[in-house]
Amino acid sequence: MKHLVQRAIKGDADAFLELMEQNSLSMYKVARAILANDEDAADAIQDTILTCFEKLNTLKNRNILRHG
C-alpha cells in the first residue's frame, strides 16, 4: 500500500483509484453503521473519496510511507 500512496501523492490517478478500491468495503461498513440507508452511505463514500483526492497532497503523517 505504501507504494500506492507514494504514487497517488505524485498524481497517479490509477494508484489513487486502487487505494480507494482496496478500502471501499471498510468505508462502506463505517458509513452504513452510521447512516440510515445505502443511498446515504453511498453519498458519504463519494464525498469522502472526493475529499481524499482533493487533499491527498496535504497528507501530514507521512510516517505511513516509511513504515506501512
N, C-alpha and C. Protein backbone atom coordinates (compact mmCIF):
# COMPACT_ATOMS: atom_id res chain seq x y z
N MET A 1 0.83 -1.19 0.00
CA MET A 1 0.00 0.00 0.00
C MET A 1 0.87 1.25 0.00
N LYS A 2 2.01 1.21 0.65
CA LYS A 2 2.90 2.36 0.72
C LYS A 2 3.24 2.87 -0.67
N HIS A 3 3.52 1.97 -1.59
CA HIS A 3 3.87 2.37 -2.95
C HIS A 3 2.70 3.06 -3.63
N LEU A 4 1.50 2.58 -3.40
CA LEU A 4 0.32 3.22 -3.99
C LEU A 4 0.13 4.63 -3.45
N VAL A 5 0.33 4.81 -2.17
CA VAL A 5 0.19 6.14 -1.57
C VAL A 5 1.22 7.08 -2.18
N GLN A 6 2.45 6.63 -2.29
CA GLN A 6 3.50 7.47 -2.87
C GLN A 6 3.16 7.86 -4.30
N ARG A 7 2.67 6.89 -5.08
CA ARG A 7 2.30 7.17 -6.47
C ARG A 7 1.11 8.12 -6.54
N ALA A 8 0.14 7.91 -5.67
CA ALA A 8 -1.05 8.77 -5.67
C ALA A 8 -0.69 10.21 -5.32
N ILE A 9 0.19 10.39 -4.34
CA ILE A 9 0.64 11.73 -3.96
C ILE A 9 1.30 12.43 -5.15
N LYS A 10 1.98 11.67 -5.98
CA LYS A 10 2.64 12.24 -7.16
C LYS A 10 1.67 12.48 -8.31
N GLY A 11 0.39 12.18 -8.11
CA GLY A 11 -0.61 12.47 -9.12
C GLY A 11 -1.07 11.29 -9.96
N ASP A 12 -0.69 10.08 -9.59
CA ASP A 12 -1.09 8.89 -10.34
C ASP A 12 -2.54 8.53 -9.98
N ALA A 13 -3.46 8.85 -10.88
CA ALA A 13 -4.88 8.62 -10.64
C ALA A 13 -5.20 7.14 -10.50
N ASP A 14 -4.52 6.30 -11.26
CA ASP A 14 -4.76 4.85 -11.16
C ASP A 14 -4.39 4.32 -9.78
N ALA A 15 -3.30 4.81 -9.21
CA ALA A 15 -2.89 4.40 -7.87
C ALA A 15 -3.93 4.86 -6.84
N PHE A 16 -4.41 6.08 -7.01
CA PHE A 16 -5.44 6.58 -6.09
C PHE A 16 -6.70 5.72 -6.17
N LEU A 17 -7.13 5.41 -7.38
CA LEU A 17 -8.32 4.58 -7.55
C LEU A 17 -8.14 3.20 -6.94
N GLU A 18 -6.95 2.64 -7.08
CA GLU A 18 -6.68 1.33 -6.48
C GLU A 18 -6.75 1.40 -4.96
N LEU A 19 -6.21 2.47 -4.38
CA LEU A 19 -6.29 2.66 -2.93
C LEU A 19 -7.75 2.73 -2.47
N MET A 20 -8.55 3.49 -3.21
CA MET A 20 -9.96 3.62 -2.84
C MET A 20 -10.68 2.28 -2.98
N GLU A 21 -10.34 1.55 -4.01
CA GLU A 21 -10.95 0.23 -4.21
C GLU A 21 -10.59 -0.72 -3.08
N GLN A 22 -9.32 -0.70 -2.67
CA GLN A 22 -8.87 -1.57 -1.60
C GLN A 22 -9.56 -1.26 -0.27
N ASN A 23 -10.00 -0.02 -0.12
CA ASN A 23 -10.59 0.41 1.14
C ASN A 23 -12.10 0.61 1.06
N SER A 24 -12.70 0.28 -0.06
CA SER A 24 -14.12 0.57 -0.25
C SER A 24 -15.01 -0.21 0.72
N LEU A 25 -14.70 -1.46 1.00
CA LEU A 25 -15.53 -2.24 1.91
C LEU A 25 -15.49 -1.64 3.32
N SER A 26 -14.32 -1.25 3.77
CA SER A 26 -14.21 -0.62 5.09
C SER A 26 -14.98 0.69 5.14
N MET A 27 -14.86 1.49 4.08
CA MET A 27 -15.60 2.75 4.03
C MET A 27 -17.10 2.48 4.08
N TYR A 28 -17.55 1.48 3.33
CA TYR A 28 -18.97 1.16 3.31
C TYR A 28 -19.44 0.72 4.69
N LYS A 29 -18.69 -0.16 5.34
CA LYS A 29 -19.10 -0.65 6.65
C LYS A 29 -19.25 0.48 7.66
N VAL A 30 -18.30 1.40 7.65
CA VAL A 30 -18.38 2.53 8.58
C VAL A 30 -19.56 3.43 8.24
N ALA A 31 -19.69 3.78 6.96
CA ALA A 31 -20.78 4.66 6.55
C ALA A 31 -22.14 4.02 6.84
N ARG A 32 -22.26 2.76 6.57
CA ARG A 32 -23.55 2.07 6.77
C ARG A 32 -23.88 1.94 8.25
N ALA A 33 -22.88 1.79 9.10
CA ALA A 33 -23.11 1.71 10.53
C ALA A 33 -23.61 3.04 11.10
N ILE A 34 -23.21 4.13 10.46
CA ILE A 34 -23.59 5.46 10.94
C ILE A 34 -24.88 5.95 10.31
N LEU A 35 -25.06 5.66 9.03
CA LEU A 35 -26.18 6.23 8.27
C LEU A 35 -27.33 5.25 8.12
N ALA A 36 -28.47 5.78 7.81
CA ALA A 36 -29.71 5.00 7.85
C ALA A 36 -29.92 4.08 6.65
N ASN A 37 -29.32 4.40 5.51
CA ASN A 37 -29.61 3.58 4.33
C ASN A 37 -28.44 3.56 3.36
N ASP A 38 -28.54 2.69 2.39
CA ASP A 38 -27.45 2.51 1.42
C ASP A 38 -27.19 3.76 0.58
N GLU A 39 -28.25 4.49 0.24
CA GLU A 39 -28.08 5.69 -0.58
C GLU A 39 -27.27 6.75 0.15
N ASP A 40 -27.58 6.95 1.43
CA ASP A 40 -26.83 7.91 2.23
C ASP A 40 -25.38 7.46 2.41
N ALA A 41 -25.19 6.16 2.61
CA ALA A 41 -23.83 5.62 2.74
C ALA A 41 -23.05 5.83 1.46
N ALA A 42 -23.68 5.58 0.31
CA ALA A 42 -23.01 5.77 -0.97
C ALA A 42 -22.64 7.23 -1.18
N ASP A 43 -23.53 8.14 -0.81
CA ASP A 43 -23.23 9.58 -0.93
C ASP A 43 -22.04 9.96 -0.04
N ALA A 44 -22.03 9.44 1.19
CA ALA A 44 -20.95 9.75 2.12
C ALA A 44 -19.62 9.22 1.59
N ILE A 45 -19.62 8.02 1.03
CA ILE A 45 -18.40 7.45 0.47
C ILE A 45 -17.91 8.28 -0.71
N GLN A 46 -18.83 8.69 -1.57
CA GLN A 46 -18.46 9.51 -2.72
C GLN A 46 -17.84 10.83 -2.26
N ASP A 47 -18.44 11.47 -1.27
CA ASP A 47 -17.90 12.72 -0.73
C ASP A 47 -16.52 12.49 -0.12
N THR A 48 -16.37 11.37 0.58
CA THR A 48 -15.08 11.05 1.21
C THR A 48 -13.99 10.83 0.17
N ILE A 49 -14.30 10.11 -0.89
CA ILE A 49 -13.32 9.86 -1.94
C ILE A 49 -12.91 11.16 -2.62
N LEU A 50 -13.87 12.02 -2.88
CA LEU A 50 -13.56 13.31 -3.50
C LEU A 50 -12.66 14.15 -2.59
N THR A 51 -12.97 14.18 -1.31
CA THR A 51 -12.15 14.94 -0.36
C THR A 51 -10.75 14.35 -0.27
N CYS A 52 -10.65 13.03 -0.25
CA CYS A 52 -9.32 12.39 -0.22
C CYS A 52 -8.51 12.79 -1.44
N PHE A 53 -9.14 12.78 -2.59
CA PHE A 53 -8.44 13.13 -3.83
C PHE A 53 -7.97 14.58 -3.79
N GLU A 54 -8.85 15.47 -3.34
CA GLU A 54 -8.52 16.89 -3.30
C GLU A 54 -7.45 17.22 -2.27
N LYS A 55 -7.39 16.45 -1.19
CA LYS A 55 -6.49 16.77 -0.08
C LYS A 55 -5.27 15.85 0.02
N LEU A 56 -5.10 14.95 -0.91
CA LEU A 56 -4.02 13.97 -0.82
C LEU A 56 -2.65 14.62 -0.66
N ASN A 57 -2.44 15.73 -1.35
CA ASN A 57 -1.13 16.38 -1.27
C ASN A 57 -0.90 17.08 0.07
N THR A 58 -1.91 17.13 0.94
CA THR A 58 -1.74 17.75 2.25
C THR A 58 -1.50 16.71 3.34
N LEU A 59 -1.31 15.44 2.95
CA LEU A 59 -1.08 14.37 3.91
C LEU A 59 0.06 14.75 4.84
N LYS A 60 -0.24 14.82 6.13
CA LYS A 60 0.75 15.27 7.10
C LYS A 60 1.53 14.11 7.72
N ASN A 61 0.88 13.02 8.01
CA ASN A 61 1.55 11.89 8.65
C ASN A 61 2.15 11.00 7.58
N ARG A 62 3.28 11.40 7.10
CA ARG A 62 3.93 10.63 6.05
C ARG A 62 4.72 9.45 6.60
N ASN A 63 4.64 9.22 7.91
CA ASN A 63 5.28 8.06 8.52
C ASN A 63 4.74 6.78 7.94
N ILE A 64 3.48 6.78 7.50
CA ILE A 64 2.93 5.57 6.90
C ILE A 64 3.71 5.18 5.66
N LEU A 65 4.34 6.16 5.04
CA LEU A 65 5.11 5.89 3.85
C LEU A 65 6.40 5.15 4.19
N ARG A 66 6.90 5.35 5.38
CA ARG A 66 8.15 4.70 5.79
C ARG A 66 7.89 3.36 6.46
N HIS A 67 6.77 3.23 7.17
CA HIS A 67 6.54 2.05 7.99
C HIS A 67 5.49 1.11 7.43
N GLY A 68 4.61 1.61 6.56
CA GLY A 68 3.49 0.77 6.16
C GLY A 68 3.61 0.37 4.78
